[in-house]
Structures are given as C-alpha cells and as structure tokens.
C-alpha cells in the first residue's frame, strides 16, 4: 500500500485545506473568551476538535452524495466517485472522526462533551438537506457557525451573547458564499430535482439573497464587537470583512469563472485577517 497516495486521496476527499474556513472563528472565540492567550492545551484540543468535526462532516457528505456526484461533471473526479476511496473506507473514516470528536470534547469539559452529540447531528444532516429543502445553504451556515460557540464553551464552559452574534455572522457568511458557489450547479440541480436556491429562484434572486446574507454577516459581527466590548482593531476586522465580501460579489458579478477564486481565496483570507486583528486587539487592549 502506498501510504502517501492513500493520505493524498483522503486529503482530496475532505478537501483538508478548506478547514481554513472554520479554524479562525473557533480561535477568535477562544481569544475573546480568555481575553488573550488560552494556553497550548486548548490550542491543540481546539485544533483537533475542528479538524475531526470537519472530517466527519465532509466524509459523510461524500458518502451520502456519491449517487449525485457521479452524474455531475464537476464532481466526477472526486475520490469518492472515481473509486480511489471505497464506500466502506469513507464510512469507517466518518465514524472514526465522529468518535474522535466526542472523545476530544470529553477531554475539554462537560458542556463540550454534552454538546458534541447534537453538534455531530447538525453536521450530519446537512448532507441530506438538498434532497428535500432549499434551506441546505442555511444548514451549512449553521454547521460552521457552531465553531465560535465551540470556542467559548471550550474556554469558559458557557455560551455568551457575543459568541451567539459571532456565530450568526458566520452562519450568514457561509450561507451567502455557498449560494454563490451553488450557481455552478444550478442547471444540474434542476435536472436532478435537487433543492437549492439557485435552481428554484434563479440567478438574480440568488445573488440578491447572497448579498442580503452578507449584509447580515457584517451587522452580526458588528454586534459581536460591541457586545464583547472590543476595541479599534476588532472594528477594523468588521470593516475589512465588509470590503472583502463586496469584492467577492464584484468578482462573481464580473465573471462566473471566478467563483472558485471568490469562494476559496477571498473567504480564506477573510477568516485569517479577522483572527489576526482580534489577536492584535486583545494583545493591545486586553
């Protein structure tokens, strides 16, 4: 067995590099909850929790969608479709990461452990929503929006109002850019009878809803900064986020071929910049 090839196949299966979307916001929450540095133990445990949760969600999605992905030209080269990673291996990988997530949550604190079960349920149901509901985009947003809640629970074993505002911002941020990404599959979803906002309401309505979601994103992140009593660099994080989301919509409006660039590059940098500015804020004013 070529171990390097196996690792590369699983890396491609779960698109590991896109863990970047969820990591900054769990750490933003941890930095604010601890008013600075939260310790190496929680850093490692938080990192492992985020990775195992995302691996669980992505692997289950690939397992559940294999019958759809094989028909879609955009997804036919995924390892779950072309035979590089069999269904039994995907299912084992899913269960393993789910169990790992629960175990790590147990090591963190009691509330984290208790919440790990409904968290996995929410992460899991997203994979099936597109078969019966147009709310799949919102459910994906909820899935990533759990990251800031997880961060504050890990540090303080409680859920604060500012963490809820941060989570709501993440929810609408993710749902908004998922709408843009889903435009690629608009015609395919129509043909297959799948539920998505683009396939139901069309291009212009989808773009409007995505913009509305991102306006809500900026508003909730502003509420987060105010509620958490943060300072100038946190406000800058909100301002830069608004500018980057505007640029994302500019890219997609100008050229649909740039959806990948808007989806992966802009959003990836947004999360990292937000984290850096929150760390700076707490380092100076904490």
Protein backbone atom coordinates (compact mmCIF):
# COMPACT_ATOMS: atom_id res chain seq x y z
CA UNK A 1 0.00 0.00 0.00
CA UNK A 2 1.30 3.43 -0.96
CA UNK A 3 0.68 5.40 2.24
CA UNK A 4 1.40 8.74 0.59
CA UNK A 5 -1.22 8.05 -2.10
CA UNK A 6 -3.79 6.98 0.50
CA UNK A 7 -3.21 10.17 2.50
CA UNK A 8 -3.45 12.29 -0.63
CA UNK A 9 -6.72 10.59 -1.61
CA UNK A 10 -8.28 11.22 1.81
CA UNK A 11 -6.91 14.77 1.78
CA UNK A 12 -8.68 15.34 -1.52
CA UNK A 13 -11.79 13.55 -0.27
CA UNK A 14 -12.35 16.00 2.60
CA UNK A 15 -10.59 18.96 0.91
CA UNK A 16 -8.49 19.36 4.05
CA UNK A 17 -7.09 22.79 3.11
CA UNK A 18 -10.60 24.23 3.33
CA UNK A 19 -10.58 23.60 7.08
CA UNK A 20 -9.25 27.16 6.93
CA UNK A 21 -12.84 28.44 6.90
CA UNK A 22 -13.77 27.12 10.33
CA UNK A 23 -10.47 27.37 12.23
CA UNK A 24 -10.13 31.17 12.52
CA UNK A 25 -13.55 31.62 14.12
CA UNK A 26 -13.16 28.97 16.79
CA UNK A 27 -9.87 30.62 17.76
CA UNK A 28 -11.38 34.13 17.59
CA UNK A 29 -13.95 32.97 20.12
CA UNK A 30 -11.29 31.39 22.32
CA UNK A 31 -9.12 34.53 22.26
CA UNK A 32 -12.05 36.76 23.25
CA UNK A 33 -13.33 34.34 25.91
CA UNK A 34 -9.90 34.17 27.56
CA UNK A 35 -9.15 37.86 26.85
CA UNK A 36 -5.88 36.80 25.27
CA UNK A 37 -3.89 33.57 25.26
CA UNK A 38 -5.88 30.47 26.21
CA UNK A 39 -2.99 28.00 26.56
CA UNK A 40 -1.33 25.30 24.48
CA UNK A 41 -3.60 22.52 25.76
CA UNK A 42 -6.74 24.22 24.46
CA UNK A 43 -4.94 25.19 21.26
CA UNK A 44 -4.21 21.54 20.47
CA UNK A 45 -7.60 20.27 21.64
CA UNK A 46 -9.45 23.01 19.74
CA UNK A 47 -7.48 22.27 16.60
CA UNK A 48 -8.19 18.54 16.84
CA UNK A 49 -11.87 19.17 17.53
CA UNK A 50 -12.21 21.42 14.48
CA UNK A 51 -10.36 19.01 12.20
CA UNK A 52 -12.22 15.88 13.33
CA UNK A 53 -15.61 17.63 13.14
CA UNK A 54 -14.94 18.85 9.62
CA UNK A 55 -13.54 15.48 8.51
CA UNK A 56 -16.72 13.84 9.85
CA UNK A 57 -18.97 16.30 8.01
CA UNK A 58 -17.10 16.19 4.71
CA UNK A 59 -16.68 12.41 4.65
CA UNK A 60 -20.36 11.87 5.42
CA UNK A 61 -21.24 14.35 2.68
CA UNK A 62 -19.15 12.44 0.16
CA UNK A 63 -20.68 9.15 1.32
CA UNK A 64 -24.24 10.46 1.07
CA UNK A 65 -23.72 12.29 -2.25
CA UNK A 66 -21.90 9.60 -4.20
CA UNK A 67 -25.01 8.81 -6.27
CA UNK A 68 -25.38 12.50 -7.14
CA UNK A 69 -21.70 13.28 -7.67
CA UNK A 70 -21.28 10.52 -10.23
CA UNK A 71 -23.76 12.32 -12.52
CA UNK A 72 -22.32 15.80 -12.10
CA UNK A 73 -19.40 16.61 -14.46
CA UNK A 74 -17.96 18.98 -11.84
CA UNK A 75 -17.67 16.24 -9.21
CA UNK A 76 -16.97 13.08 -11.21
CA UNK A 77 -13.25 13.11 -10.37
CA UNK A 78 -13.72 13.09 -6.61
CA UNK A 79 -12.06 10.13 -4.84
CA UNK A 80 -15.48 9.01 -3.59
CA UNK A 81 -16.72 8.77 -7.19
CA UNK A 82 -13.81 7.50 -9.26
CA UNK A 83 -13.10 4.54 -6.94
CA UNK A 84 -9.93 5.74 -5.24
CA UNK A 85 -11.67 5.65 -1.84
CA UNK A 86 -14.36 2.99 -1.45
CA UNK A 87 -17.63 3.49 0.43
CA UNK A 88 -16.58 1.20 3.27
CA UNK A 89 -13.42 3.24 3.85
CA UNK A 90 -15.37 6.51 3.74
CA UNK A 91 -17.88 5.20 6.28
CA UNK A 92 -15.10 3.99 8.58
CA UNK A 93 -13.32 7.34 8.26
CA UNK A 94 -16.58 9.14 9.10
CA UNK A 95 -17.26 7.07 12.21
CA UNK A 96 -13.63 7.34 13.35
CA UNK A 97 -13.65 11.13 13.15
CA UNK A 98 -17.04 11.36 14.85
CA UNK A 99 -15.78 9.22 17.74
CA UNK A 100 -12.56 11.26 17.90
CA UNK A 101 -14.56 14.49 18.07
CA UNK A 102 -16.65 13.21 21.00
CA UNK A 103 -13.56 11.96 22.86
CA UNK A 104 -11.71 15.27 22.46
CA UNK A 105 -14.81 17.17 23.60
CA UNK A 106 -14.86 14.93 26.69
CA UNK A 107 -11.27 15.93 27.43
CA UNK A 108 -12.14 19.63 27.21
CA UNK A 109 -15.06 19.91 29.66
CA UNK A 110 -18.51 18.52 30.48
CA UNK A 111 -20.51 21.05 28.45
CA UNK A 112 -18.33 20.46 25.40
CA UNK A 113 -18.93 16.72 25.76
CA UNK A 114 -22.71 17.07 26.11
CA UNK A 115 -22.90 19.41 23.11
CA UNK A 116 -20.74 17.16 20.94
CA UNK A 117 -23.69 14.86 20.18
CA UNK A 118 -26.16 17.47 18.85
CA UNK A 119 -23.22 19.10 17.05
CA UNK A 120 -22.49 15.91 15.12
CA UNK A 121 -26.20 15.57 14.32
CA UNK A 122 -26.29 19.06 12.81
CA UNK A 123 -23.08 18.45 10.88
CA UNK A 124 -24.53 15.21 9.56
CA UNK A 125 -27.98 16.34 8.43
CA UNK A 126 -26.56 18.92 6.02
CA UNK A 127 -25.58 16.13 3.65
CA UNK A 128 -29.24 15.18 3.16
CA UNK A 129 -30.98 18.56 3.15
CA UNK A 130 -30.54 19.24 -0.57
CA UNK A 131 -32.78 16.26 -1.26
CA UNK A 132 -35.82 17.87 0.34
CA UNK A 133 -35.24 21.50 1.37
CA UNK A 134 -33.95 24.79 -0.05
CA UNK A 135 -32.56 25.56 3.41
CA UNK A 136 -29.46 23.42 2.79
CA UNK A 137 -27.36 26.58 2.39
CA UNK A 138 -28.51 27.84 5.78
CA UNK A 139 -27.85 24.45 7.43
CA UNK A 140 -24.30 24.59 6.10
CA UNK A 141 -24.02 28.04 7.65
CA UNK A 142 -25.28 26.68 10.98
CA UNK A 143 -22.68 23.90 10.78
CA UNK A 144 -19.76 26.32 10.52
CA UNK A 145 -21.47 28.77 12.84
CA UNK A 146 -21.06 26.23 15.61
CA UNK A 147 -17.31 26.94 15.63
CA UNK A 148 -17.48 30.17 17.70
CA UNK A 149 -19.91 28.51 20.12
CA UNK A 150 -17.44 25.64 20.50
CA UNK A 151 -14.64 28.11 21.18
CA UNK A 152 -16.34 29.90 24.06
CA UNK A 153 -17.58 26.60 25.52
CA UNK A 154 -14.02 25.24 25.47
CA UNK A 155 -12.63 28.21 27.38
CA UNK A 156 -15.41 29.16 29.80
CA UNK A 157 -17.87 26.22 29.71
CA UNK A 158 -20.70 28.63 28.93
CA UNK A 159 -22.34 30.32 25.92
CA UNK A 160 -22.19 34.11 25.80
CA UNK A 161 -24.29 36.57 23.80
CA UNK A 162 -21.27 37.89 21.91
CA UNK A 163 -20.45 34.32 20.82
CA UNK A 164 -24.01 33.95 19.51
CA UNK A 165 -23.62 37.16 17.48
CA UNK A 166 -20.27 35.94 16.13
CA UNK A 167 -21.85 32.57 15.25
CA UNK A 168 -24.80 34.22 13.48
CA UNK A 169 -22.33 36.25 11.44
CA UNK A 170 -20.52 33.06 10.43
CA UNK A 171 -23.86 31.42 9.61
CA UNK A 172 -24.85 34.13 7.10
CA UNK A 173 -21.29 34.47 5.80
CA UNK A 174 -21.12 30.78 4.92
CA UNK A 175 -24.71 30.58 3.62
CA UNK A 176 -24.05 33.63 1.46
CA UNK A 177 -20.92 32.32 -0.21
CA UNK A 178 -22.43 28.84 -0.54
CA UNK A 179 -25.22 30.41 -2.59
CA UNK A 180 -22.61 31.83 -4.96
CA UNK A 181 -20.81 28.51 -5.16
CA UNK A 182 -24.09 26.70 -5.85
CA UNK A 183 -24.61 28.76 -9.00
CA UNK A 184 -22.21 26.34 -10.70
CA UNK A 185 -24.70 23.50 -10.23
CA UNK A 186 -27.89 25.45 -10.94
CA UNK A 187 -28.81 23.60 -14.14
CA UNK A 188 -27.69 20.23 -12.81
CA UNK A 189 -29.82 20.64 -9.67
CA UNK A 190 -32.83 21.44 -11.84
CA UNK A 191 -32.31 18.32 -13.95
CA UNK A 192 -31.88 16.07 -10.93
CA UNK A 193 -34.72 17.57 -8.90
CA UNK A 194 -32.36 18.69 -6.12
CA UNK A 195 -33.27 21.55 -3.81
CA UNK A 196 -31.15 24.68 -3.98
CA UNK A 197 -32.00 28.36 -4.03
CA UNK A 198 -30.32 28.90 -7.43
CA UNK A 199 -32.27 26.05 -9.06
CA UNK A 200 -35.55 27.30 -7.61
CA UNK A 201 -35.27 31.08 -7.79
CA UNK A 202 -32.66 31.69 -10.49
CA UNK A 203 -29.51 33.75 -10.82
CA UNK A 204 -30.65 37.27 -9.95
CA UNK A 205 -32.65 36.26 -6.88
CA UNK A 206 -29.77 34.10 -5.64
CA UNK A 207 -27.32 36.98 -6.00
CA UNK A 208 -29.70 39.27 -4.09
CA UNK A 209 -30.17 36.76 -1.24
CA UNK A 210 -26.41 36.21 -1.05
CA UNK A 211 -25.83 39.97 -0.77
CA UNK A 212 -28.54 40.22 1.89
CA UNK A 213 -26.94 37.38 3.87
CA UNK A 214 -23.57 39.13 3.73
CA UNK A 215 -25.08 42.40 4.92
CA UNK A 216 -26.44 40.43 7.89
CA UNK A 217 -22.98 38.94 8.36
CA UNK A 218 -21.39 42.36 8.78
CA UNK A 219 -24.18 43.52 11.11
CA UNK A 220 -23.89 40.49 13.41
CA UNK A 221 -20.11 40.78 13.50
CA UNK A 222 -20.53 44.43 14.45
CA UNK A 223 -22.92 43.36 17.25
CA UNK A 224 -20.28 40.84 18.34
CA UNK A 225 -17.61 43.55 18.64
CA UNK A 226 -19.94 45.84 20.61
CA UNK A 227 -21.26 43.10 22.92
CA UNK A 228 -17.76 41.78 23.64
CA UNK A 229 -16.57 45.33 24.36
CA UNK A 230 -13.67 45.08 21.92
CA UNK A 231 -11.60 47.95 20.56
CA UNK A 232 -10.40 49.57 17.35
CA UNK A 233 -8.75 46.54 15.72
CA UNK A 234 -11.95 44.50 16.10
CA UNK A 235 -13.90 47.25 14.34
CA UNK A 236 -11.27 47.19 11.60
CA UNK A 237 -11.89 43.44 11.27
CA UNK A 238 -15.56 44.14 10.58
CA UNK A 239 -14.73 46.90 8.08
CA UNK A 240 -12.21 44.77 6.19
CA UNK A 241 -14.70 41.87 6.16
CA UNK A 242 -17.31 44.13 4.57
CA UNK A 243 -14.81 45.23 1.92
CA UNK A 244 -13.72 41.67 1.16
CA UNK A 245 -17.30 40.43 0.87
CA UNK A 246 -18.05 43.30 -1.50
CA UNK A 247 -15.03 42.29 -3.56
CA UNK A 248 -16.26 38.69 -3.60
CA UNK A 249 -19.57 39.79 -5.12
CA UNK A 250 -17.74 42.00 -7.59
CA UNK A 251 -15.70 39.01 -8.78
CA UNK A 252 -18.74 36.78 -9.26
CA UNK A 253 -20.77 39.53 -10.96
CA UNK A 254 -17.93 40.23 -13.35
CA UNK A 255 -17.10 36.65 -14.31
CA UNK A 256 -18.73 33.39 -13.17
CA UNK A 257 -15.48 31.58 -13.90
CA UNK A 258 -14.06 33.34 -10.84
CA UNK A 259 -16.47 31.66 -8.42
CA UNK A 260 -13.70 29.37 -7.13
CA UNK A 261 -11.42 32.36 -6.54
CA UNK A 262 -14.19 34.21 -4.72
CA UNK A 263 -15.20 31.15 -2.71
CA UNK A 264 -11.83 29.82 -1.62
CA UNK A 265 -9.29 32.65 -1.81
CA UNK A 266 -11.26 35.67 -0.62
CA UNK A 267 -13.10 33.83 2.15
CA UNK A 268 -9.94 32.08 3.30
CA UNK A 269 -8.10 35.38 3.69
CA UNK A 270 -11.13 36.97 5.36
CA UNK A 271 -11.06 34.49 8.25
CA UNK A 272 -7.30 34.76 8.73
CA UNK A 273 -7.35 38.58 8.68
CA UNK A 274 -10.26 38.66 11.14
CA UNK A 275 -8.32 36.39 13.53
CA UNK A 276 -5.11 38.44 13.27
CA UNK A 277 -6.96 41.67 14.02
CA UNK A 278 -8.80 40.17 17.02
CA UNK A 279 -5.50 38.82 18.40
CA UNK A 280 -3.96 42.27 17.92
CA UNK A 281 -6.93 43.90 19.63
CA UNK A 282 -6.66 41.67 22.71
CA UNK A 283 -2.85 41.90 22.80
CA UNK A 284 -3.00 45.71 22.95
CA UNK A 285 -6.27 46.40 24.78
CA UNK A 286 -6.98 43.15 26.63
